[in-house]
Amino acid sequence: MAELTHFDAKGDAHMVDVSDKPSTARIAVAEGAVRMTPETLAMITEGRAKKGDVLGVARLAGIMGAKKTAELIPLCHPLPITKVAVELTPDESLPGVRIEATVKTGGQTGVEMEALTAVSTAALTLYDMVKAVEKSMVIEGIRLKLKDGGKSGRYEAM
């Protein structure tokens, strides 16, 4: 079983020392979804939400969330992010909106938390934008889909 790196020998939480790790290209992709009624989805896709462009605002929030990850997650390193892309795709079969975030950097530690934070922030923003018409929306399935780079190499979810 892998060792938990965010705890020292005494069991105290600490920020991992990455100073001896080489800088490598890193990428992470995360996904999630917001499930809602078909009526709420139609309101979003037809641009009828009172607060405006729901998908555009949620996309920007996801990008901002990735950039602020080190301020939100206590033991994350602040990273020089080189790319954040957030895709929000309406899906009538859900019904709802699927969210995917891709984050890249060149550095000594990965961007998995930044990708997960981007998806989470986009989902929460989407919820906030339309909660006046549907409070029963469900944020679900937030997970790491892919990561590559660094000592542990490539991971792809099944």
C-alpha atoms as a PDB file:
ATOM      1  CA  MET A   1       0.000   0.000   0.000  1.00  0.00           C
ATOM      2  CA  ALA A   2       1.249   3.493  -0.838  1.00  0.00           C
ATOM      3  CA  GLU A   3       2.509   5.711   1.946  1.00  0.00           C
ATOM      4  CA  LEU A   4       0.548   8.854   2.842  1.00  0.00           C
ATOM      5  CA  THR A   5       2.923  11.709   2.019  1.00  0.00           C
ATOM      6  CA  HIS A   6       1.084  14.531   3.805  1.00  0.00           C
ATOM      7  CA  PHE A   7       1.969  13.157   7.259  1.00  0.00           C
ATOM      8  CA  ASP A   8       5.369  13.178   8.933  1.00  0.00           C
ATOM      9  CA  ALA A   9       6.870  10.382  11.062  1.00  0.00           C
ATOM     10  CA  LYS A  10       4.908  11.619  14.108  1.00  0.00           C
ATOM     11  CA  GLY A  11       1.628  11.601  12.183  1.00  0.00           C
ATOM     12  CA  ASP A  12       1.384  15.387  11.925  1.00  0.00           C
ATOM     13  CA  ALA A  13       0.108  16.934   8.705  1.00  0.00           C
ATOM     14  CA  HIS A  14       2.739  18.783   6.683  1.00  0.00           C
ATOM     15  CA  MET A  15       3.327  20.117   3.199  1.00  0.00           C
ATOM     16  CA  VAL A  16       5.352  17.643   1.151  1.00  0.00           C
ATOM     17  CA  ASP A  17       8.889  18.795   0.318  1.00  0.00           C
ATOM     18  CA  VAL A  18       9.156  18.672  -3.480  1.00  0.00           C
ATOM     19  CA  SER A  19      12.413  20.646  -3.726  1.00  0.00           C
ATOM     20  CA  ASP A  20      14.446  17.600  -4.827  1.00  0.00           C
ATOM     21  CA  LYS A  21      11.935  16.451  -7.442  1.00  0.00           C
ATOM     22  CA  PRO A  22      12.677  17.278 -11.077  1.00  0.00           C
ATOM     23  CA  SER A  23      10.384  19.626 -12.976  1.00  0.00           C
ATOM     24  CA  THR A  24       8.378  17.720 -15.577  1.00  0.00           C
ATOM     25  CA  ALA A  25       5.366  18.380 -17.769  1.00  0.00           C
ATOM     26  CA  ARG A  26       2.220  17.590 -15.795  1.00  0.00           C
ATOM     27  CA  ILE A  27      -1.418  17.254 -16.854  1.00  0.00           C
ATOM     28  CA  ALA A  28      -4.605  16.293 -15.056  1.00  0.00           C
ATOM     29  CA  VAL A  29      -8.163  15.874 -16.282  1.00  0.00           C
ATOM     30  CA  ALA A  30     -11.137  15.710 -13.923  1.00  0.00           C
ATOM     31  CA  GLU A  31     -14.844  15.287 -14.554  1.00  0.00           C
ATOM     32  CA  GLY A  32     -18.200  15.606 -12.850  1.00  0.00           C
ATOM     33  CA  ALA A  33     -21.805  16.498 -13.553  1.00  0.00           C
ATOM     34  CA  VAL A  34     -24.781  18.440 -12.304  1.00  0.00           C
ATOM     35  CA  ARG A  35     -28.018  16.489 -12.653  1.00  0.00           C
ATOM     36  CA  MET A  36     -31.251  18.497 -12.979  1.00  0.00           C
ATOM     37  CA  THR A  37     -34.730  18.366 -14.469  1.00  0.00           C
ATOM     38  CA  PRO A  38     -35.129  18.601 -18.243  1.00  0.00           C
ATOM     39  CA  GLU A  39     -36.917  21.945 -17.723  1.00  0.00           C
ATOM     40  CA  THR A  40     -33.956  23.465 -15.879  1.00  0.00           C
ATOM     41  CA  LEU A  41     -31.543  22.158 -18.501  1.00  0.00           C
ATOM     42  CA  ALA A  42     -33.673  23.703 -21.258  1.00  0.00           C
ATOM     43  CA  MET A  43     -33.680  27.041 -19.425  1.00  0.00           C
ATOM     44  CA  ILE A  44     -29.871  26.955 -19.337  1.00  0.00           C
ATOM     45  CA  THR A  45     -29.352  25.890 -22.945  1.00  0.00           C
ATOM     46  CA  GLU A  46     -31.957  28.332 -24.274  1.00  0.00           C
ATOM     47  CA  GLY A  47     -30.366  31.246 -22.359  1.00  0.00           C
ATOM     48  CA  ARG A  48     -33.454  31.960 -20.219  1.00  0.00           C
ATOM     49  CA  ALA A  49     -31.716  32.013 -16.800  1.00  0.00           C
ATOM     50  CA  LYS A  50     -32.250  35.335 -15.009  1.00  0.00           C
ATOM     51  CA  LYS A  51     -28.603  35.519 -13.919  1.00  0.00           C
ATOM     52  CA  GLY A  52     -27.328  35.311 -17.515  1.00  0.00           C
ATOM     53  CA  ASP A  53     -24.951  32.958 -19.325  1.00  0.00           C
ATOM     54  CA  VAL A  54     -24.888  30.073 -16.848  1.00  0.00           C
ATOM     55  CA  LEU A  55     -22.362  27.930 -18.732  1.00  0.00           C
ATOM     56  CA  GLY A  56     -20.035  30.864 -19.457  1.00  0.00           C
ATOM     57  CA  VAL A  57     -19.990  32.029 -15.847  1.00  0.00           C
ATOM     58  CA  ALA A  58     -19.480  28.458 -14.574  1.00  0.00           C
ATOM     59  CA  ARG A  59     -16.584  27.985 -17.039  1.00  0.00           C
ATOM     60  CA  LEU A  60     -14.855  31.136 -15.751  1.00  0.00           C
ATOM     61  CA  ALA A  61     -15.468  30.077 -12.138  1.00  0.00           C
ATOM     62  CA  GLY A  62     -13.858  26.710 -12.852  1.00  0.00           C
ATOM     63  CA  ILE A  63     -10.774  28.407 -14.285  1.00  0.00           C
ATOM     64  CA  MET A  64     -10.583  30.707 -11.269  1.00  0.00           C
ATOM     65  CA  GLY A  65     -11.031  27.745  -8.925  1.00  0.00           C
ATOM     66  CA  ALA A  66      -8.053  25.945 -10.450  1.00  0.00           C
ATOM     67  CA  LYS A  67      -5.913  29.049  -9.978  1.00  0.00           C
ATOM     68  CA  LYS A  68      -6.968  29.400  -6.307  1.00  0.00           C
ATOM     69  CA  THR A  69      -6.534  25.739  -5.290  1.00  0.00           C
ATOM     70  CA  ALA A  70      -3.524  26.342  -3.027  1.00  0.00           C
ATOM     71  CA  GLU A  71      -5.587  28.912  -1.098  1.00  0.00           C
ATOM     72  CA  LEU A  72      -8.442  26.438  -0.571  1.00  0.00           C
ATOM     73  CA  ILE A  73      -6.719  23.090   0.036  1.00  0.00           C
ATOM     74  CA  PRO A  74      -4.335  23.530   2.992  1.00  0.00           C
ATOM     75  CA  LEU A  75      -1.402  21.350   1.883  1.00  0.00           C
ATOM     76  CA  CYS A  76      -1.421  22.083  -1.869  1.00  0.00           C
ATOM     77  CA  HIS A  77       1.570  23.856  -3.362  1.00  0.00           C
ATOM     78  CA  PRO A  78       0.969  27.084  -5.287  1.00  0.00           C
ATOM     79  CA  LEU A  79       1.768  26.158  -8.885  1.00  0.00           C
ATOM     80  CA  PRO A  80       2.571  28.021 -12.089  1.00  0.00           C
ATOM     81  CA  ILE A  81      -0.418  26.765 -14.061  1.00  0.00           C
ATOM     82  CA  THR A  82       0.172  26.967 -17.804  1.00  0.00           C
ATOM     83  CA  LYS A  83      -3.307  25.941 -18.980  1.00  0.00           C
ATOM     84  CA  VAL A  84      -6.809  25.528 -17.610  1.00  0.00           C
ATOM     85  CA  ALA A  85      -9.653  24.468 -19.888  1.00  0.00           C
ATOM     86  CA  VAL A  86     -13.151  23.821 -18.567  1.00  0.00           C
ATOM     87  CA  GLU A  87     -15.786  22.258 -20.806  1.00  0.00           C
ATOM     88  CA  LEU A  88     -19.473  22.278 -19.839  1.00  0.00           C
ATOM     89  CA  THR A  89     -21.602  20.029 -22.016  1.00  0.00           C
ATOM     90  CA  PRO A  90     -25.388  19.894 -21.735  1.00  0.00           C
ATOM     91  CA  ASP A  91     -26.565  16.284 -21.789  1.00  0.00           C
ATOM     92  CA  GLU A  92     -30.278  15.583 -22.182  1.00  0.00           C
ATOM     93  CA  SER A  93     -29.758  11.893 -21.360  1.00  0.00           C
ATOM     94  CA  LEU A  94     -28.497  12.796 -17.852  1.00  0.00           C
ATOM     95  CA  PRO A  95     -30.404  15.247 -17.799  1.00  0.00           C
ATOM     96  CA  GLY A  96     -27.899  17.885 -16.775  1.00  0.00           C
ATOM     97  CA  VAL A  97     -24.494  19.309 -17.545  1.00  0.00           C
ATOM     98  CA  ARG A  98     -21.273  17.324 -17.756  1.00  0.00           C
ATOM     99  CA  ILE A  99     -18.117  19.146 -16.702  1.00  0.00           C
ATOM    100  CA  GLU A 100     -14.527  18.352 -17.651  1.00  0.00           C
ATOM    101  CA  ALA A 101     -11.434  20.316 -16.628  1.00  0.00           C
ATOM    102  CA  THR A 102      -7.913  19.983 -18.008  1.00  0.00           C
ATOM    103  CA  VAL A 103      -5.006  21.591 -16.150  1.00  0.00           C
ATOM    104  CA  LYS A 104      -1.337  21.703 -17.187  1.00  0.00           C
ATOM    105  CA  THR A 105       1.888  22.847 -15.599  1.00  0.00           C
ATOM    106  CA  GLY A 106       5.603  22.272 -15.763  1.00  0.00           C
ATOM    107  CA  GLY A 107       6.714  21.672 -12.216  1.00  0.00           C
ATOM    108  CA  GLN A 108       7.706  19.461  -9.326  1.00  0.00           C
ATOM    109  CA  THR A 109       4.221  18.346  -8.341  1.00  0.00           C
ATOM    110  CA  GLY A 110       1.010  17.446 -10.142  1.00  0.00           C
ATOM    111  CA  VAL A 111      -2.172  19.358 -10.888  1.00  0.00           C
ATOM    112  CA  GLU A 112      -4.776  16.761  -9.912  1.00  0.00           C
ATOM    113  CA  MET A 113      -6.203  18.931  -7.136  1.00  0.00           C
ATOM    114  CA  GLU A 114      -6.402  21.919  -9.484  1.00  0.00           C
ATOM    115  CA  ALA A 115      -8.423  19.914 -12.025  1.00  0.00           C
ATOM    116  CA  LEU A 116     -10.748  18.564  -9.312  1.00  0.00           C
ATOM    117  CA  THR A 117     -11.184  22.054  -7.846  1.00  0.00           C
ATOM    118  CA  ALA A 118     -11.982  23.448 -11.299  1.00  0.00           C
ATOM    119  CA  VAL A 119     -14.784  20.891 -11.778  1.00  0.00           C
ATOM    120  CA  SER A 120     -16.111  21.425  -8.252  1.00  0.00           C
ATOM    121  CA  THR A 121     -16.121  25.209  -8.566  1.00  0.00           C
ATOM    122  CA  ALA A 122     -17.808  25.097 -11.978  1.00  0.00           C
ATOM    123  CA  ALA A 123     -20.481  22.720 -10.621  1.00  0.00           C
ATOM    124  CA  LEU A 124     -21.137  24.862  -7.536  1.00  0.00           C
ATOM    125  CA  THR A 125     -21.383  27.984  -9.680  1.00  0.00           C
ATOM    126  CA  LEU A 126     -23.816  26.310 -12.057  1.00  0.00           C
ATOM    127  CA  TYR A 127     -25.917  25.287  -9.043  1.00  0.00           C
ATOM    128  CA  ASP A 128     -25.803  28.836  -7.660  1.00  0.00           C
ATOM    129  CA  MET A 129     -26.866  30.351 -10.973  1.00  0.00           C
ATOM    130  CA  VAL A 130     -30.113  28.331 -11.220  1.00  0.00           C
ATOM    131  CA  LYS A 131     -30.946  27.311  -7.639  1.00  0.00           C
ATOM    132  CA  ALA A 132     -33.861  29.761  -7.637  1.00  0.00           C
ATOM    133  CA  VAL A 133     -35.718  27.452 -10.024  1.00  0.00           C
ATOM    134  CA  GLU A 134     -34.421  24.076  -8.810  1.00  0.00           C
ATOM    135  CA  LYS A 135     -32.896  23.370  -5.439  1.00  0.00           C
ATOM    136  CA  SER A 136     -32.950  19.587  -5.962  1.00  0.00           C
ATOM    137  CA  MET A 137     -30.048  19.542  -8.452  1.00  0.00           C
ATOM    138  CA  VAL A 138     -27.364  16.965  -7.639  1.00  0.00           C
ATOM    139  CA  ILE A 139     -23.623  17.465  -8.070  1.00  0.00           C
ATOM    140  CA  GLU A 140     -22.152  14.039  -8.742  1.00  0.00           C
ATOM    141  CA  GLY A 141     -19.326  11.926 -10.052  1.00  0.00           C
ATOM    142  CA  ILE A 142     -16.452  14.318  -9.430  1.00  0.00           C
ATOM    143  CA  ARG A 143     -13.307  12.291 -10.013  1.00  0.00           C
ATOM    144  CA  LEU A 144      -9.850  12.283 -11.513  1.00  0.00           C
ATOM    145  CA  LYS A 145     -10.050  10.960 -15.048  1.00  0.00           C
ATOM    146  CA  LEU A 146      -6.384  11.216 -16.054  1.00  0.00           C
ATOM    147  CA  LYS A 147      -3.039  12.396 -14.736  1.00  0.00           C
ATOM    148  CA  ASP A 148       0.345  12.205 -16.375  1.00  0.00           C
ATOM    149  CA  GLY A 149       3.852  13.282 -15.490  1.00  0.00           C
ATOM    150  CA  GLY A 150       6.076  12.951 -12.485  1.00  0.00           C
ATOM    151  CA  LYS A 151       7.463   9.918 -10.696  1.00  0.00           C
ATOM    152  CA  SER A 152       4.185   7.999 -10.550  1.00  0.00           C
ATOM    153  CA  GLY A 153       3.667   8.346 -14.316  1.00  0.00           C
ATOM    154  CA  ARG A 154       0.307   7.981 -16.024  1.00  0.00           C
ATOM    155  CA  TYR A 155      -3.033   7.155 -14.432  1.00  0.00           C
ATOM    156  CA  GLU A 156      -6.270   6.737 -16.377  1.00  0.00           C
ATOM    157  CA  ALA A 157      -9.591   5.996 -14.698  1.00  0.00           C
ATOM    158  CA  MET A 158     -11.592   3.053 -15.936  1.00  0.00           C
END
